[in-house]
């Protein structure tokens, strides 16, 4: 059986899926067609249920949980792991509302956290 699998070109994703997609381990007859895109593009594909298996943001998962199952391993979010806010030493955290913040996409966990932080301050 051939399944589509989407993940990003970041080094940890490539490492995680390397053995599985390149036949280095026994996948019990499963084959994979790899779709490699950034996480927001994969989120958009998940909204349309285009891929059998996909990496996606925790934020995006909330919208697709009827069509996908969250695995118990492989997460990049946890204590001391996940999106980081990097700022100039001149910018005070209290002035985040006036700051321009780059995000990897509208439906990413990073954006969800920035919006949540902003809402918590109100």
C-alpha atoms as a PDB file:
ATOM      1  CA  UNK A   1       0.000   0.000   0.000  1.00  0.00           C
ATOM      2  CA  UNK A   2       1.320   3.438  -0.950  1.00  0.00           C
ATOM      3  CA  UNK A   3       0.605   6.387   1.369  1.00  0.00           C
ATOM      4  CA  UNK A   4       1.294  10.088   0.904  1.00  0.00           C
ATOM      5  CA  UNK A   5       3.374  11.580   3.699  1.00  0.00           C
ATOM      6  CA  UNK A   6       4.094  15.268   4.156  1.00  0.00           C
ATOM      7  CA  UNK A   7       6.884  16.765   6.192  1.00  0.00           C
ATOM      8  CA  UNK A   8       9.086  19.829   6.093  1.00  0.00           C
ATOM      9  CA  UNK A   9      12.664  20.051   4.795  1.00  0.00           C
ATOM     10  CA  UNK A  10      13.991  20.972   8.238  1.00  0.00           C
ATOM     11  CA  UNK A  11      16.802  18.667   9.380  1.00  0.00           C
ATOM     12  CA  UNK A  12      14.920  17.036  12.264  1.00  0.00           C
ATOM     13  CA  UNK A  13      11.980  16.070  10.013  1.00  0.00           C
ATOM     14  CA  UNK A  14      14.314  14.665   7.358  1.00  0.00           C
ATOM     15  CA  UNK A  15      16.141  12.665  10.028  1.00  0.00           C
ATOM     16  CA  UNK A  16      12.925  11.363  11.612  1.00  0.00           C
ATOM     17  CA  UNK A  17      11.477  10.041   8.351  1.00  0.00           C
ATOM     18  CA  UNK A  18      14.677   9.023   6.523  1.00  0.00           C
ATOM     19  CA  UNK A  19      14.717   5.333   7.460  1.00  0.00           C
ATOM     20  CA  UNK A  20      10.996   4.925   6.860  1.00  0.00           C
ATOM     21  CA  UNK A  21      10.770   6.574   3.428  1.00  0.00           C
ATOM     22  CA  UNK A  22      14.060   5.180   2.093  1.00  0.00           C
ATOM     23  CA  UNK A  23      13.429   1.516   2.934  1.00  0.00           C
ATOM     24  CA  UNK A  24      16.031   1.319   5.702  1.00  0.00           C
ATOM     25  CA  UNK A  25      13.507  -0.283   8.055  1.00  0.00           C
ATOM     26  CA  UNK A  26      10.743  -2.810   7.505  1.00  0.00           C
ATOM     27  CA  UNK A  27       7.507  -0.906   6.955  1.00  0.00           C
ATOM     28  CA  UNK A  28       5.565  -4.159   6.490  1.00  0.00           C
ATOM     29  CA  UNK A  29       4.718  -3.465   2.849  1.00  0.00           C
ATOM     30  CA  UNK A  30       3.936   0.228   3.205  1.00  0.00           C
ATOM     31  CA  UNK A  31       5.456   2.581   0.644  1.00  0.00           C
ATOM     32  CA  UNK A  32       5.512   6.361   0.849  1.00  0.00           C
ATOM     33  CA  UNK A  33       5.154   9.186  -1.628  1.00  0.00           C
ATOM     34  CA  UNK A  34       6.913  12.124   0.033  1.00  0.00           C
ATOM     35  CA  UNK A  35       5.515  15.652  -0.153  1.00  0.00           C
ATOM     36  CA  UNK A  36       8.089  18.064   1.273  1.00  0.00           C
ATOM     37  CA  UNK A  37       6.808  21.583   2.040  1.00  0.00           C
ATOM     38  CA  UNK A  38       6.943  24.170   4.807  1.00  0.00           C
ATOM     39  CA  UNK A  39       4.650  23.645   7.784  1.00  0.00           C
ATOM     40  CA  UNK A  40       2.029  26.219   6.762  1.00  0.00           C
ATOM     41  CA  UNK A  41       1.691  24.620   3.312  1.00  0.00           C
ATOM     42  CA  UNK A  42       1.257  21.257   5.046  1.00  0.00           C
ATOM     43  CA  UNK A  43      -1.344  22.791   7.364  1.00  0.00           C
ATOM     44  CA  UNK A  44      -3.278  23.977   4.292  1.00  0.00           C
ATOM     45  CA  UNK A  45      -3.089  20.503   2.730  1.00  0.00           C
ATOM     46  CA  UNK A  46      -4.365  18.978   5.978  1.00  0.00           C
ATOM     47  CA  UNK A  47      -7.375  21.332   5.937  1.00  0.00           C
ATOM     48  CA  UNK A  48      -8.243  19.774   2.563  1.00  0.00           C
ATOM     49  CA  UNK A  49      -7.369  16.205   3.728  1.00  0.00           C
ATOM     50  CA  UNK A  50      -4.939  15.903   0.805  1.00  0.00           C
ATOM     51  CA  UNK A  51      -2.322  13.732   2.546  1.00  0.00           C
ATOM     52  CA  UNK A  52      -2.626  10.389   4.319  1.00  0.00           C
ATOM     53  CA  UNK A  53       0.055  11.305   6.887  1.00  0.00           C
ATOM     54  CA  UNK A  54       1.370  14.787   7.555  1.00  0.00           C
ATOM     55  CA  UNK A  55       3.334  16.988   9.852  1.00  0.00           C
ATOM     56  CA  UNK A  56       1.212  19.905  10.962  1.00  0.00           C
ATOM     57  CA  UNK A  57       1.068  22.534  13.640  1.00  0.00           C
ATOM     58  CA  UNK A  58      -0.669  21.822  16.937  1.00  0.00           C
ATOM     59  CA  UNK A  59      -2.831  24.852  16.239  1.00  0.00           C
ATOM     60  CA  UNK A  60      -3.865  23.453  12.836  1.00  0.00           C
ATOM     61  CA  UNK A  61      -4.562  20.029  14.351  1.00  0.00           C
ATOM     62  CA  UNK A  62      -7.443  21.534  16.326  1.00  0.00           C
ATOM     63  CA  UNK A  63      -9.234  22.106  12.999  1.00  0.00           C
ATOM     64  CA  UNK A  64      -8.527  18.697  11.419  1.00  0.00           C
ATOM     65  CA  UNK A  65      -8.809  16.258  14.314  1.00  0.00           C
ATOM     66  CA  UNK A  66     -11.834  14.589  12.727  1.00  0.00           C
ATOM     67  CA  UNK A  67      -9.633  13.509   9.797  1.00  0.00           C
ATOM     68  CA  UNK A  68      -6.243  12.925  11.447  1.00  0.00           C
ATOM     69  CA  UNK A  69      -4.928  11.175  14.553  1.00  0.00           C
ATOM     70  CA  UNK A  70      -2.182  12.790  16.623  1.00  0.00           C
ATOM     71  CA  UNK A  71       0.727  10.398  17.171  1.00  0.00           C
ATOM     72  CA  UNK A  72       2.190   9.946  20.638  1.00  0.00           C
ATOM     73  CA  UNK A  73       5.747  10.593  19.429  1.00  0.00           C
ATOM     74  CA  UNK A  74       7.546  12.995  17.134  1.00  0.00           C
ATOM     75  CA  UNK A  75       6.321  16.218  18.681  1.00  0.00           C
ATOM     76  CA  UNK A  76       8.420  19.357  18.510  1.00  0.00           C
ATOM     77  CA  UNK A  77       6.483  21.126  21.231  1.00  0.00           C
ATOM     78  CA  UNK A  78       7.096  20.729  24.925  1.00  0.00           C
ATOM     79  CA  UNK A  79       9.005  22.199  27.807  1.00  0.00           C
ATOM     80  CA  UNK A  80      12.151  23.869  26.443  1.00  0.00           C
ATOM     81  CA  UNK A  81      11.146  22.798  22.935  1.00  0.00           C
ATOM     82  CA  UNK A  82       8.996  24.607  20.390  1.00  0.00           C
ATOM     83  CA  UNK A  83       8.539  28.104  18.991  1.00  0.00           C
ATOM     84  CA  UNK A  84      10.887  30.777  20.311  1.00  0.00           C
ATOM     85  CA  UNK A  85      10.418  34.526  20.406  1.00  0.00           C
ATOM     86  CA  UNK A  86      13.734  36.158  19.542  1.00  0.00           C
ATOM     87  CA  UNK A  87      13.921  39.879  20.203  1.00  0.00           C
ATOM     88  CA  UNK A  88      16.344  42.737  20.169  1.00  0.00           C
ATOM     89  CA  UNK A  89      17.858  43.460  23.569  1.00  0.00           C
ATOM     90  CA  UNK A  90      16.296  46.940  23.289  1.00  0.00           C
ATOM     91  CA  UNK A  91      12.724  45.616  23.002  1.00  0.00           C
ATOM     92  CA  UNK A  92      10.892  45.004  26.262  1.00  0.00           C
ATOM     93  CA  UNK A  93       8.547  42.016  26.414  1.00  0.00           C
ATOM     94  CA  UNK A  94       5.844  44.341  27.729  1.00  0.00           C
ATOM     95  CA  UNK A  95       5.814  46.170  24.373  1.00  0.00           C
ATOM     96  CA  UNK A  96       4.953  43.103  22.259  1.00  0.00           C
ATOM     97  CA  UNK A  97       1.699  44.714  21.100  1.00  0.00           C
ATOM     98  CA  UNK A  98       3.689  47.331  19.187  1.00  0.00           C
ATOM     99  CA  UNK A  99       6.287  44.868  17.889  1.00  0.00           C
ATOM    100  CA  UNK A 100       6.417  43.378  14.403  1.00  0.00           C
ATOM    101  CA  UNK A 101       6.666  39.619  14.815  1.00  0.00           C
ATOM    102  CA  UNK A 102       7.550  37.243  11.978  1.00  0.00           C
ATOM    103  CA  UNK A 103       5.599  33.988  12.025  1.00  0.00           C
ATOM    104  CA  UNK A 104       5.939  30.867   9.863  1.00  0.00           C
ATOM    105  CA  UNK A 105       2.221  30.977   8.971  1.00  0.00           C
ATOM    106  CA  UNK A 106      -1.259  31.979  10.130  1.00  0.00           C
ATOM    107  CA  UNK A 107      -2.196  28.489  11.360  1.00  0.00           C
ATOM    108  CA  UNK A 108       1.103  27.662  13.028  1.00  0.00           C
ATOM    109  CA  UNK A 109       1.602  27.033  16.707  1.00  0.00           C
ATOM    110  CA  UNK A 110       4.040  29.957  16.819  1.00  0.00           C
ATOM    111  CA  UNK A 111       1.288  32.345  15.699  1.00  0.00           C
ATOM    112  CA  UNK A 112      -1.186  30.791  18.133  1.00  0.00           C
ATOM    113  CA  UNK A 113       1.237  31.378  21.017  1.00  0.00           C
ATOM    114  CA  UNK A 114       1.926  35.003  20.003  1.00  0.00           C
ATOM    115  CA  UNK A 115      -1.812  35.743  19.742  1.00  0.00           C
ATOM    116  CA  UNK A 116      -2.461  33.966  23.055  1.00  0.00           C
ATOM    117  CA  UNK A 117       0.276  35.954  24.813  1.00  0.00           C
ATOM    118  CA  UNK A 118      -1.208  39.156  23.465  1.00  0.00           C
ATOM    119  CA  UNK A 119      -4.710  38.194  24.661  1.00  0.00           C
ATOM    120  CA  UNK A 120      -3.442  37.204  28.133  1.00  0.00           C
ATOM    121  CA  UNK A 121      -1.957  40.656  28.646  1.00  0.00           C
ATOM    122  CA  UNK A 122      -5.350  42.346  28.119  1.00  0.00           C
END
